């Protein structure tokens, strides 16, 4: 006779795609951030172009732009980076696609049983 122990991880949690968890967490962190609290001159960045002293980088400001969108400041968001609005739309569409795909997988598994 062997003992079987439960792992403690719910099965529904294991079915959620890691990419979906990443995008939800990223949107949550960006929605809670305060871009005005980090001025340009004292803001730490991983951007190699900004660390070299260049004033413009195609990626800099995208996170702030998304944060401003979540705070309702569309005009300021466009000022930081014009791709902020398309990025939110594309990532949101990706999240919906992942949710639909997972739902279809669950429904197909139920039909097979």
PDB file of N, CA and C in Angstrom:
ATOM      1  N   UNK A   1       0.843  -1.176   0.000  1.00  0.00           N
ATOM      2  CA  UNK A   1       0.000   0.000   0.000  1.00  0.00           C
ATOM      3  C   UNK A   1       0.891   1.242   0.000  1.00  0.00           C
ATOM      4  N   UNK A   2       0.623   2.141  -0.916  1.00  0.00           N
ATOM      5  CA  UNK A   2       1.412   3.368  -0.988  1.00  0.00           C
ATOM      6  C   UNK A   2       0.552   4.557  -0.601  1.00  0.00           C
ATOM      7  N   UNK A   3       1.192   5.509   0.018  1.00  0.00           N
ATOM      8  CA  UNK A   3       0.493   6.724   0.385  1.00  0.00           C
ATOM      9  C   UNK A   3       0.636   7.756  -0.725  1.00  0.00           C
ATOM     10  N   UNK A   4      -0.464   8.433  -1.035  1.00  0.00           N
ATOM     11  CA  UNK A   4      -0.430   9.472  -2.047  1.00  0.00           C
ATOM     12  C   UNK A   4      -0.723  10.804  -1.372  1.00  0.00           C
ATOM     13  N   UNK A   5       0.167  11.738  -1.569  1.00  0.00           N
ATOM     14  CA  UNK A   5      -0.006  13.057  -0.988  1.00  0.00           C
ATOM     15  C   UNK A   5      -0.344  14.048  -2.083  1.00  0.00           C
ATOM     16  N   UNK A   6      -1.192  14.984  -1.747  1.00  0.00           N
ATOM     17  CA  UNK A   6      -1.501  16.052  -2.690  1.00  0.00           C
ATOM     18  C   UNK A   6      -0.352  17.048  -2.696  1.00  0.00           C
ATOM     19  N   UNK A   7      -0.086  17.610  -3.873  1.00  0.00           N
ATOM     20  CA  UNK A   7       1.039  18.530  -4.005  1.00  0.00           C
ATOM     21  C   UNK A   7       0.710  19.916  -3.471  1.00  0.00           C
ATOM     22  N   UNK A   8      -0.541  20.233  -3.309  1.00  0.00           N
ATOM     23  CA  UNK A   8      -0.911  21.537  -2.797  1.00  0.00           C
ATOM     24  C   UNK A   8      -1.136  22.576  -3.888  1.00  0.00           C
ATOM     25  N   UNK A   9      -0.801  22.242  -5.128  1.00  0.00           N
ATOM     26  CA  UNK A   9      -1.027  23.162  -6.243  1.00  0.00           C
ATOM     27  C   UNK A   9      -2.374  22.830  -6.885  1.00  0.00           C
ATOM     28  N   UNK A  10      -3.269  23.807  -6.919  1.00  0.00           N
ATOM     29  CA  UNK A  10      -4.556  23.547  -7.566  1.00  0.00           C
ATOM     30  C   UNK A  10      -4.369  23.281  -9.068  1.00  0.00           C
ATOM     31  N   UNK A  11      -5.180  22.381  -9.602  1.00  0.00           N
ATOM     32  CA  UNK A  11      -5.051  22.025 -11.019  1.00  0.00           C
ATOM     33  C   UNK A  11      -5.365  23.204 -11.932  1.00  0.00           C
ATOM     34  N   UNK A  12      -6.309  24.047 -11.540  1.00  0.00           N
ATOM     35  CA  UNK A  12      -6.674  25.186 -12.398  1.00  0.00           C
ATOM     36  C   UNK A  12      -5.526  26.176 -12.502  1.00  0.00           C
ATOM     37  N   UNK A  13      -4.707  26.258 -11.440  1.00  0.00           N
ATOM     38  CA  UNK A  13      -3.575  27.172 -11.463  1.00  0.00           C
ATOM     39  C   UNK A  13      -2.490  26.687 -12.423  1.00  0.00           C
ATOM     40  N   UNK A  14      -2.354  25.399 -12.539  1.00  0.00           N
ATOM     41  CA  UNK A  14      -1.347  24.841 -13.436  1.00  0.00           C
ATOM     42  C   UNK A  14      -1.743  25.006 -14.901  1.00  0.00           C
ATOM     43  N   UNK A  15      -3.029  25.222 -15.178  1.00  0.00           N
ATOM     44  CA  UNK A  15      -3.485  25.364 -16.557  1.00  0.00           C
ATOM     45  C   UNK A  15      -3.318  26.774 -17.091  1.00  0.00           C
ATOM     46  N   UNK A  16      -3.087  27.760 -16.245  1.00  0.00           N
ATOM     47  CA  UNK A  16      -2.950  29.134 -16.705  1.00  0.00           C
ATOM     48  C   UNK A  16      -1.600  29.289 -17.397  1.00  0.00           C
ATOM     49  N   UNK A  17      -1.600  29.784 -18.629  1.00  0.00           N
ATOM     50  CA  UNK A  17      -0.324  29.964 -19.341  1.00  0.00           C
ATOM     51  C   UNK A  17       0.577  30.977 -18.627  1.00  0.00           C
ATOM     52  N   UNK A  18       1.858  30.679 -18.597  1.00  0.00           N
ATOM     53  CA  UNK A  18       2.825  31.545 -17.940  1.00  0.00           C
ATOM     54  C   UNK A  18       2.859  32.931 -18.588  1.00  0.00           C
ATOM     55  N   UNK A  19       2.705  32.981 -19.891  1.00  0.00           N
ATOM     56  CA  UNK A  19       2.693  34.268 -20.592  1.00  0.00           C
ATOM     57  C   UNK A  19       1.535  35.142 -20.120  1.00  0.00           C
ATOM     58  N   UNK A  20       0.381  34.544 -19.890  1.00  0.00           N
ATOM     59  CA  UNK A  20      -0.776  35.298 -19.410  1.00  0.00           C
ATOM     60  C   UNK A  20      -0.521  35.852 -18.009  1.00  0.00           C
ATOM     61  N   UNK A  21       0.081  35.042 -17.160  1.00  0.00           N
ATOM     62  CA  UNK A  21       0.419  35.506 -15.809  1.00  0.00           C
ATOM     63  C   UNK A  21       1.394  36.682 -15.892  1.00  0.00           C
ATOM     64  N   UNK A  22       2.374  36.589 -16.785  1.00  0.00           N
ATOM     65  CA  UNK A  22       3.349  37.664 -16.960  1.00  0.00           C
ATOM     66  C   UNK A  22       2.676  38.958 -17.388  1.00  0.00           C
ATOM     67  N   UNK A  23       1.802  38.905 -18.404  1.00  0.00           N
ATOM     68  CA  UNK A  23       1.162  40.127 -18.898  1.00  0.00           C
ATOM     69  C   UNK A  23       0.223  40.737 -17.865  1.00  0.00           C
ATOM     70  N   UNK A  24      -0.507  39.915 -17.137  1.00  0.00           N
ATOM     71  CA  UNK A  24      -1.390  40.441 -16.091  1.00  0.00           C
ATOM     72  C   UNK A  24      -0.571  41.125 -15.007  1.00  0.00           C
ATOM     73  N   UNK A  25       0.519  40.489 -14.584  1.00  0.00           N
ATOM     74  CA  UNK A  25       1.377  41.093 -13.556  1.00  0.00           C
ATOM     75  C   UNK A  25       2.004  42.393 -14.058  1.00  0.00           C
ATOM     76  N   UNK A  26       2.457  42.403 -15.310  1.00  0.00           N
ATOM     77  CA  UNK A  26       3.062  43.614 -15.865  1.00  0.00           C
ATOM     78  C   UNK A  26       2.055  44.757 -15.902  1.00  0.00           C
ATOM     79  N   UNK A  27       0.842  44.479 -16.338  1.00  0.00           N
ATOM     80  CA  UNK A  27      -0.188  45.522 -16.380  1.00  0.00           C
ATOM     81  C   UNK A  27      -0.539  45.996 -14.976  1.00  0.00           C
ATOM     82  N   UNK A  28      -0.579  45.077 -14.022  1.00  0.00           N
ATOM     83  CA  UNK A  28      -0.890  45.476 -12.645  1.00  0.00           C
ATOM     84  C   UNK A  28       0.195  46.392 -12.089  1.00  0.00           C
ATOM     85  N   UNK A  29       1.459  46.030 -12.297  1.00  0.00           N
ATOM     86  CA  UNK A  29       2.555  46.868 -11.801  1.00  0.00           C
ATOM     87  C   UNK A  29       2.568  48.231 -12.487  1.00  0.00           C
ATOM     88  N   UNK A  30       2.330  48.263 -13.787  1.00  0.00           N
ATOM     89  CA  UNK A  30       2.314  49.532 -14.504  1.00  0.00           C
ATOM     90  C   UNK A  30       1.114  50.385 -14.097  1.00  0.00           C
ATOM     91  N   UNK A  31      -0.004  49.744 -13.783  1.00  0.00           N
ATOM     92  CA  UNK A  31      -1.185  50.502 -13.355  1.00  0.00           C
ATOM     93  C   UNK A  31      -0.987  51.104 -11.967  1.00  0.00           C
ATOM     94  N   UNK A  32      -0.193  50.450 -11.119  1.00  0.00           N
ATOM     95  CA  UNK A  32       0.034  50.955  -9.761  1.00  0.00           C
ATOM     96  C   UNK A  32       1.203  51.934  -9.685  1.00  0.00           C
ATOM     97  N   UNK A  33       2.010  52.014 -10.734  1.00  0.00           N
ATOM     98  CA  UNK A  33       3.186  52.885 -10.717  1.00  0.00           C
ATOM     99  C   UNK A  33       2.780  54.352 -10.814  1.00  0.00           C
ATOM    100  N   UNK A  34       3.664  55.207 -10.344  1.00  0.00           N
ATOM    101  CA  UNK A  34       3.454  56.648 -10.422  1.00  0.00           C
ATOM    102  C   UNK A  34       4.604  57.241 -11.233  1.00  0.00           C
ATOM    103  N   UNK A  35       4.394  57.495 -12.525  1.00  0.00           N
ATOM    104  CA  UNK A  35       5.504  57.979 -13.351  1.00  0.00           C
ATOM    105  C   UNK A  35       5.980  59.368 -12.962  1.00  0.00           C
ATOM    106  N   UNK A  36       5.141  60.198 -12.398  1.00  0.00           N
ATOM    107  CA  UNK A  36       5.557  61.548 -12.013  1.00  0.00           C
ATOM    108  C   UNK A  36       6.501  61.526 -10.818  1.00  0.00           C
ATOM    109  N   UNK A  37       6.528  60.424 -10.086  1.00  0.00           N
ATOM    110  CA  UNK A  37       7.378  60.330  -8.904  1.00  0.00           C
ATOM    111  C   UNK A  37       8.836  60.029  -9.264  1.00  0.00           C
ATOM    112  N   UNK A  38       9.111  59.766 -10.536  1.00  0.00           N
ATOM    113  CA  UNK A  38      10.468  59.431 -10.974  1.00  0.00           C
ATOM    114  C   UNK A  38      10.905  60.408 -12.062  1.00  0.00           C
ATOM    115  N   UNK A  39      11.442  61.550 -11.696  1.00  0.00           N
ATOM    116  CA  UNK A  39      11.895  62.503 -12.716  1.00  0.00           C
ATOM    117  C   UNK A  39      13.021  61.929 -13.571  1.00  0.00           C
ATOM    118  N   UNK A  40      13.167  62.476 -14.748  1.00  0.00           N
ATOM    119  CA  UNK A  40      14.162  61.985 -15.707  1.00  0.00           C
ATOM    120  C   UNK A  40      15.587  62.023 -15.150  1.00  0.00           C
ATOM    121  N   UNK A  41      15.944  63.063 -14.414  1.00  0.00           N
ATOM    122  CA  UNK A  41      17.340  63.224 -14.005  1.00  0.00           C
ATOM    123  C   UNK A  41      17.770  62.271 -12.900  1.00  0.00           C
ATOM    124  N   UNK A  42      16.834  61.740 -12.096  1.00  0.00           N
ATOM    125  CA  UNK A  42      17.238  60.809 -11.031  1.00  0.00           C
ATOM    126  C   UNK A  42      16.682  59.409 -11.237  1.00  0.00           C
ATOM    127  N   UNK A  43      16.036  59.175 -12.351  1.00  0.00           N
ATOM    128  CA  UNK A  43      15.417  57.882 -12.627  1.00  0.00           C
ATOM    129  C   UNK A  43      16.467  56.876 -13.093  1.00  0.00           C
ATOM    130  N   UNK A  44      16.549  55.716 -12.418  1.00  0.00           N
ATOM    131  CA  UNK A  44      17.473  54.656 -12.819  1.00  0.00           C
ATOM    132  C   UNK A  44      16.872  53.900 -13.991  1.00  0.00           C
ATOM    133  N   UNK A  45      17.700  53.547 -14.941  1.00  0.00           N
ATOM    134  CA  UNK A  45      17.225  52.802 -16.089  1.00  0.00           C
ATOM    135  C   UNK A  45      18.251  51.748 -16.494  1.00  0.00           C
ATOM    136  N   UNK A  46      17.764  50.677 -17.093  1.00  0.00           N
ATOM    137  CA  UNK A  46      18.636  49.642 -17.638  1.00  0.00           C
ATOM    138  C   UNK A  46      18.995  49.928 -19.095  1.00  0.00           C
ATOM    139  N   UNK A  47      18.420  50.964 -19.656  1.00  0.00           N
ATOM    140  CA  UNK A  47      18.610  51.278 -21.064  1.00  0.00           C
ATOM    141  C   UNK A  47      20.067  51.665 -21.336  1.00  0.00           C
ATOM    142  N   UNK A  48      20.743  50.934 -22.222  1.00  0.00           N
ATOM    143  CA  UNK A  48      22.142  51.272 -22.491  1.00  0.00           C
ATOM    144  C   UNK A  48      22.297  52.623 -23.196  1.00  0.00           C
ATOM    145  N   UNK A  49      21.346  53.002 -24.036  1.00  0.00           N
ATOM    146  CA  UNK A  49      21.446  54.283 -24.732  1.00  0.00           C
ATOM    147  C   UNK A  49      21.277  55.455 -23.769  1.00  0.00           C
ATOM    148  N   UNK A  50      20.354  55.333 -22.828  1.00  0.00           N
ATOM    149  CA  UNK A  50      20.166  56.392 -21.834  1.00  0.00           C
ATOM    150  C   UNK A  50      21.367  56.472 -20.898  1.00  0.00           C
ATOM    151  N   UNK A  51      21.947  55.334 -20.556  1.00  0.00           N
ATOM    152  CA  UNK A  51      23.129  55.334 -19.689  1.00  0.00           C
ATOM    153  C   UNK A  51      24.358  55.898 -20.396  1.00  0.00           C
ATOM    154  N   UNK A  52      24.372  55.877 -21.727  1.00  0.00           N
ATOM    155  CA  UNK A  52      25.455  56.494 -22.482  1.00  0.00           C
ATOM    156  C   UNK A  52      25.268  57.998 -22.635  1.00  0.00           C
ATOM    157  N   UNK A  53      24.102  58.496 -22.215  1.00  0.00           N
ATOM    158  CA  UNK A  53      23.848  59.925 -22.273  1.00  0.00           C
ATOM    159  C   UNK A  53      23.061  60.378 -23.480  1.00  0.00           C
ATOM    160  N   UNK A  54      22.612  59.449 -24.309  1.00  0.00           N
ATOM    161  CA  UNK A  54      21.809  59.822 -25.469  1.00  0.00           C
ATOM    162  C   UNK A  54      20.419  60.250 -25.005  1.00  0.00           C
ATOM    163  N   UNK A  55      19.879  61.242 -25.618  1.00  0.00           N
ATOM    164  CA  UNK A  55      18.593  61.788 -25.185  1.00  0.00           C
ATOM    165  C   UNK A  55      17.384  61.046 -25.707  1.00  0.00           C
ATOM    166  N   UNK A  56      17.553  60.237 -26.745  1.00  0.00           N
ATOM    167  CA  UNK A  56      16.394  59.560 -27.323  1.00  0.00           C
ATOM    168  C   UNK A  56      16.686  58.086 -27.504  1.00  0.00           C
ATOM    169  N   UNK A  57      15.709  57.264 -27.176  1.00  0.00           N
ATOM    170  CA  UNK A  57      15.799  55.818 -27.350  1.00  0.00           C
ATOM    171  C   UNK A  57      14.414  55.339 -27.764  1.00  0.00           C
ATOM    172  N   UNK A  58      14.311  54.411 -28.710  1.00  0.00           N
ATOM    173  CA  UNK A  58      12.989  53.965 -29.146  1.00  0.00           C
ATOM    174  C   UNK A  58      12.188  53.232 -28.061  1.00  0.00           C
ATOM    175  N   UNK A  59      12.839  52.717 -27.042  1.00  0.00           N
ATOM    176  CA  UNK A  59      12.122  51.981 -26.009  1.00  0.00           C
ATOM    177  C   UNK A  59      11.858  52.768 -24.740  1.00  0.00           C
ATOM    178  N   UNK A  60      12.656  53.810 -24.506  1.00  0.00           N
ATOM    179  CA  UNK A  60      12.500  54.586 -23.271  1.00  0.00           C
ATOM    180  C   UNK A  60      11.159  55.314 -23.273  1.00  0.00           C
ATOM    181  N   UNK A  61      10.518  55.314 -22.167  1.00  0.00           N
ATOM    182  CA  UNK A  61       9.247  56.011 -22.031  1.00  0.00           C
ATOM    183  C   UNK A  61       8.035  55.149 -22.300  1.00  0.00           C
ATOM    184  N   UNK A  62       8.222  53.948 -22.819  1.00  0.00           N
ATOM    185  CA  UNK A  62       7.078  53.096 -23.132  1.00  0.00           C
ATOM    186  C   UNK A  62       6.352  52.660 -21.864  1.00  0.00           C
ATOM    187  N   UNK A  63       7.104  52.284 -20.841  1.00  0.00           N
ATOM    188  CA  UNK A  63       6.474  51.910 -19.575  1.00  0.00           C
ATOM    189  C   UNK A  63       5.736  53.071 -18.941  1.00  0.00           C
ATOM    190  N   UNK A  64       6.324  54.258 -18.997  1.00  0.00           N
ATOM    191  CA  UNK A  64       5.655  55.442 -18.455  1.00  0.00           C
ATOM    192  C   UNK A  64       4.411  55.777 -19.270  1.00  0.00           C
ATOM    193  N   UNK A  65       4.503  55.601 -20.580  1.00  0.00           N
ATOM    194  CA  UNK A  65       3.345  55.867 -21.427  1.00  0.00           C
ATOM    195  C   UNK A  65       2.184  54.938 -21.067  1.00  0.00           C
ATOM    196  N   UNK A  66       2.483  53.668 -20.848  1.00  0.00           N
ATOM    197  CA  UNK A  66       1.437  52.710 -20.476  1.00  0.00           C
ATOM    198  C   UNK A  66       0.877  53.056 -19.097  1.00  0.00           C
ATOM    199  N   UNK A  67       1.744  53.439 -18.173  1.00  0.00           N
ATOM    200  CA  UNK A  67       1.278  53.843 -16.845  1.00  0.00           C
ATOM    201  C   UNK A  67       0.343  55.037 -16.939  1.00  0.00           C
ATOM    202  N   UNK A  68       0.693  56.009 -17.750  1.00  0.00           N
ATOM    203  CA  UNK A  68      -0.156  57.188 -17.908  1.00  0.00           C
ATOM    204  C   UNK A  68      -1.496  56.838 -18.554  1.00  0.00           C
ATOM    205  N   UNK A  69      -1.510  55.868 -19.459  1.00  0.00           N
ATOM    206  CA  UNK A  69      -2.777  55.419 -20.046  1.00  0.00           C
ATOM    207  C   UNK A  69      -3.682  54.859 -18.957  1.00  0.00           C
ATOM    208  N   UNK A  70      -3.116  54.046 -18.067  1.00  0.00           N
ATOM    209  CA  UNK A  70      -3.912  53.465 -16.991  1.00  0.00           C
ATOM    210  C   UNK A  70      -4.409  54.532 -16.013  1.00  0.00           C
ATOM    211  N   UNK A  71      -3.704  55.644 -15.938  1.00  0.00           N
ATOM    212  CA  UNK A  71      -4.124  56.740 -15.062  1.00  0.00           C
ATOM    213  C   UNK A  71      -5.015  57.742 -15.790  1.00  0.00           C
ATOM    214  N   UNK A  72      -5.305  57.498 -17.067  1.00  0.00           N
ATOM    215  CA  UNK A  72      -6.215  58.338 -17.822  1.00  0.00           C
ATOM    216  C   UNK A  72      -5.586  59.554 -18.471  1.00  0.00           C
ATOM    217  N   UNK A  73      -4.292  59.652 -18.511  1.00  0.00           N
ATOM    218  CA  UNK A  73      -3.601  60.799 -19.108  1.00  0.00           C
ATOM    219  C   UNK A  73      -3.116  60.419 -20.501  1.00  0.00           C
ATOM    220  N   UNK A  74      -4.015  60.426 -21.453  1.00  0.00           N
ATOM    221  CA  UNK A  74      -3.701  59.977 -22.803  1.00  0.00           C
ATOM    222  C   UNK A  74      -2.725  60.939 -23.487  1.00  0.00           C
ATOM    223  N   UNK A  75      -2.947  62.244 -23.349  1.00  0.00           N
ATOM    224  CA  UNK A  75      -2.083  63.224 -24.005  1.00  0.00           C
ATOM    225  C   UNK A  75      -0.641  63.129 -23.493  1.00  0.00           C
ATOM    226  N   UNK A  76      -0.471  63.017 -22.161  1.00  0.00           N
ATOM    227  CA  UNK A  76       0.871  62.885 -21.589  1.00  0.00           C
ATOM    228  C   UNK A  76       1.508  61.559 -21.990  1.00  0.00           C
ATOM    229  N   UNK A  77       0.671  60.520 -22.109  1.00  0.00           N
ATOM    230  CA  UNK A  77       1.161  59.220 -22.539  1.00  0.00           C
ATOM    231  C   UNK A  77       1.758  59.318 -23.938  1.00  0.00           C
ATOM    232  N   UNK A  78       1.062  60.016 -24.813  1.00  0.00           N
ATOM    233  CA  UNK A  78       1.544  60.193 -26.181  1.00  0.00           C
ATOM    234  C   UNK A  78       2.850  60.987 -26.195  1.00  0.00           C
ATOM    235  N   UNK A  79       3.003  61.903 -25.240  1.00  0.00           N
ATOM    236  CA  UNK A  79       4.226  62.693 -25.139  1.00  0.00           C
ATOM    237  C   UNK A  79       5.429  61.816 -24.772  1.00  0.00           C
ATOM    238  N   UNK A  80       5.246  60.852 -23.862  1.00  0.00           N
ATOM    239  CA  UNK A  80       6.355  59.985 -23.457  1.00  0.00           C
ATOM    240  C   UNK A  80       6.730  59.006 -24.567  1.00  0.00           C
ATOM    241  N   UNK A  81       5.735  58.376 -25.180  1.00  0.00           N
ATOM    242  CA  UNK A  81       6.011  57.440 -26.276  1.00  0.00           C
ATOM    243  C   UNK A  81       4.730  57.226 -27.060  1.00  0.00           C
ATOM    244  N   UNK A  82       4.803  57.415 -28.352  1.00  0.00           N
ATOM    245  CA  UNK A  82       3.610  57.315 -29.175  1.00  0.00           C
ATOM    246  C   UNK A  82       3.133  55.879 -29.355  1.00  0.00           C
ATOM    247  N   UNK A  83       3.957  54.898 -29.032  1.00  0.00           N
ATOM    248  CA  UNK A  83       3.542  53.499 -29.139  1.00  0.00           C
ATOM    249  C   UNK A  83       2.871  52.966 -27.878  1.00  0.00           C
ATOM    250  N   UNK A  84       2.640  53.815 -26.879  1.00  0.00           N
ATOM    251  CA  UNK A  84       2.010  53.361 -25.644  1.00  0.00           C
ATOM    252  C   UNK A  84       0.603  52.829 -25.871  1.00  0.00           C
ATOM    253  N   UNK A  85      -0.201  53.576 -26.616  1.00  0.00           N
ATOM    254  CA  UNK A  85      -1.588  53.164 -26.877  1.00  0.00           C
ATOM    255  C   UNK A  85      -1.628  51.885 -27.714  1.00  0.00           C
ATOM    256  N   UNK A  86      -0.890  51.796 -28.831  1.00  0.00           N
ATOM    257  CA  UNK A  86      -0.897  50.521 -29.564  1.00  0.00           C
ATOM    258  C   UNK A  86      -0.365  49.352 -28.730  1.00  0.00           C
ATOM    259  N   UNK A  87       0.615  49.601 -27.868  1.00  0.00           N
ATOM    260  CA  UNK A  87       1.156  48.514 -27.036  1.00  0.00           C
ATOM    261  C   UNK A  87       0.094  47.977 -26.089  1.00  0.00           C
ATOM    262  N   UNK A  88      -0.667  48.874 -25.467  1.00  0.00           N
ATOM    263  CA  UNK A  88      -1.733  48.424 -24.560  1.00  0.00           C
ATOM    264  C   UNK A  88      -2.780  47.629 -25.331  1.00  0.00           C
ATOM    265  N   UNK A  89      -3.141  48.097 -26.509  1.00  0.00           N
ATOM    266  CA  UNK A  89      -4.147  47.388 -27.311  1.00  0.00           C
ATOM    267  C   UNK A  89      -3.650  46.019 -27.756  1.00  0.00           C
ATOM    268  N   UNK A  90      -2.404  45.943 -28.214  1.00  0.00           N
ATOM    269  CA  UNK A  90      -1.856  44.671 -28.696  1.00  0.00           C
ATOM    270  C   UNK A  90      -1.689  43.674 -27.546  1.00  0.00           C
ATOM    271  N   UNK A  91      -1.191  44.133 -26.415  1.00  0.00           N
ATOM    272  CA  UNK A  91      -1.014  43.227 -25.270  1.00  0.00           C
ATOM    273  C   UNK A  91      -2.363  42.779 -24.727  1.00  0.00           C
ATOM    274  N   UNK A  92      -3.335  43.679 -24.697  1.00  0.00           N
ATOM    275  CA  UNK A  92      -4.682  43.302 -24.250  1.00  0.00           C
ATOM    276  C   UNK A  92      -5.281  42.258 -25.182  1.00  0.00           C
ATOM    277  N   UNK A  93      -5.104  42.439 -26.481  1.00  0.00           N
ATOM    278  CA  UNK A  93      -5.590  41.457 -27.445  1.00  0.00           C
ATOM    279  C   UNK A  93      -4.905  40.104 -27.244  1.00  0.00           C
ATOM    280  N   UNK A  94      -3.624  40.130 -26.957  1.00  0.00           N
ATOM    281  CA  UNK A  94      -2.893  38.886 -26.702  1.00  0.00           C
ATOM    282  C   UNK A  94      -3.431  38.180 -25.453  1.00  0.00           C
ATOM    283  N   UNK A  95      -3.742  38.958 -24.419  1.00  0.00           N
ATOM    284  CA  UNK A  95      -4.277  38.367 -23.192  1.00  0.00           C
ATOM    285  C   UNK A  95      -5.642  37.735 -23.454  1.00  0.00           C
ATOM    286  N   UNK A  96      -6.483  38.397 -24.238  1.00  0.00           N
ATOM    287  CA  UNK A  96      -7.794  37.832 -24.581  1.00  0.00           C
ATOM    288  C   UNK A  96      -7.616  36.559 -25.397  1.00  0.00           C
ATOM    289  N   UNK A  97      -6.676  36.564 -26.327  1.00  0.00           N
ATOM    290  CA  UNK A  97      -6.404  35.376 -27.141  1.00  0.00           C
ATOM    291  C   UNK A  97      -5.958  34.209 -26.272  1.00  0.00           C
ATOM    292  N   UNK A  98      -5.071  34.464 -25.315  1.00  0.00           N
ATOM    293  CA  UNK A  98      -4.619  33.401 -24.414  1.00  0.00           C
ATOM    294  C   UNK A  98      -5.770  32.855 -23.580  1.00  0.00           C
ATOM    295  N   UNK A  99      -6.639  33.740 -23.095  1.00  0.00           N
ATOM    296  CA  UNK A  99      -7.791  33.291 -22.311  1.00  0.00           C
ATOM    297  C   UNK A  99      -8.747  32.457 -23.157  1.00  0.00           C
ATOM    298  N   UNK A 100      -9.004  32.879 -24.375  1.00  0.00           N
ATOM    299  CA  UNK A 100      -9.892  32.113 -25.264  1.00  0.00           C
ATOM    300  C   UNK A 100      -9.302  30.754 -25.589  1.00  0.00           C
ATOM    301  N   UNK A 101      -8.011  30.723 -25.883  1.00  0.00           N
ATOM    302  CA  UNK A 101      -7.352  29.459 -26.205  1.00  0.00           C
ATOM    303  C   UNK A 101      -7.443  28.492 -25.026  1.00  0.00           C
ATOM    304  N   UNK A 102      -7.217  28.996 -23.825  1.00  0.00           N
ATOM    305  CA  UNK A 102      -7.286  28.145 -22.636  1.00  0.00           C
ATOM    306  C   UNK A 102      -8.712  27.648 -22.420  1.00  0.00           C
ATOM    307  N   UNK A 103      -9.687  28.504 -22.660  1.00  0.00           N
ATOM    308  CA  UNK A 103     -11.091  28.109 -22.505  1.00  0.00           C
ATOM    309  C   UNK A 103     -11.453  27.015 -23.507  1.00  0.00           C
ATOM    310  N   UNK A 104     -10.985  27.149 -24.744  1.00  0.00           N
ATOM    311  CA  UNK A 104     -11.252  26.130 -25.766  1.00  0.00           C
ATOM    312  C   UNK A 104     -10.606  24.805 -25.374  1.00  0.00           C
ATOM    313  N   UNK A 105      -9.376  24.839 -24.845  1.00  0.00           N
ATOM    314  CA  UNK A 105      -8.719  23.613 -24.398  1.00  0.00           C
ATOM    315  C   UNK A 105      -9.523  22.931 -23.292  1.00  0.00           C
ATOM    316  N   UNK A 106     -10.029  23.715 -22.342  1.00  0.00           N
ATOM    317  CA  UNK A 106     -10.805  23.150 -21.236  1.00  0.00           C
ATOM    318  C   UNK A 106     -12.088  22.516 -21.761  1.00  0.00           C
ATOM    319  N   UNK A 107     -12.775  23.210 -22.668  1.00  0.00           N
ATOM    320  CA  UNK A 107     -14.020  22.668 -23.225  1.00  0.00           C
ATOM    321  C   UNK A 107     -13.766  21.403 -24.037  1.00  0.00           C
ATOM    322  N   UNK A 108     -12.672  21.354 -24.790  1.00  0.00           N
ATOM    323  CA  UNK A 108     -12.357  20.151 -25.560  1.00  0.00           C
ATOM    324  C   UNK A 108     -12.017  18.979 -24.641  1.00  0.00           C
ATOM    325  N   UNK A 109     -11.334  19.246 -23.541  1.00  0.00           N
ATOM    326  CA  UNK A 109     -11.028  18.178 -22.587  1.00  0.00           C
ATOM    327  C   UNK A 109     -12.288  17.630 -21.959  1.00  0.00           C
ATOM    328  N   UNK A 110     -13.260  18.490 -21.695  1.00  0.00           N
ATOM    329  CA  UNK A 110     -14.526  18.023 -21.112  1.00  0.00           C
ATOM    330  C   UNK A 110     -15.297  17.155 -22.103  1.00  0.00           C
ATOM    331  N   UNK A 111     -15.253  17.510 -23.399  1.00  0.00           N
ATOM    332  CA  UNK A 111     -15.977  16.739 -24.409  1.00  0.00           C
ATOM    333  C   UNK A 111     -15.351  15.359 -24.577  1.00  0.00           C
ATOM    334  N   UNK A 112     -14.035  15.265 -24.457  1.00  0.00           N
ATOM    335  CA  UNK A 112     -13.363  13.972 -24.619  1.00  0.00           C
ATOM    336  C   UNK A 112     -13.670  13.017 -23.482  1.00  0.00           C
ATOM    337  N   UNK A 113     -13.937  13.542 -22.306  1.00  0.00           N
ATOM    338  CA  UNK A 113     -14.229  12.675 -21.151  1.00  0.00           C
ATOM    339  C   UNK A 113     -15.630  12.241 -21.223  1.00  0.00           C
TER     340      UNK A 113
END
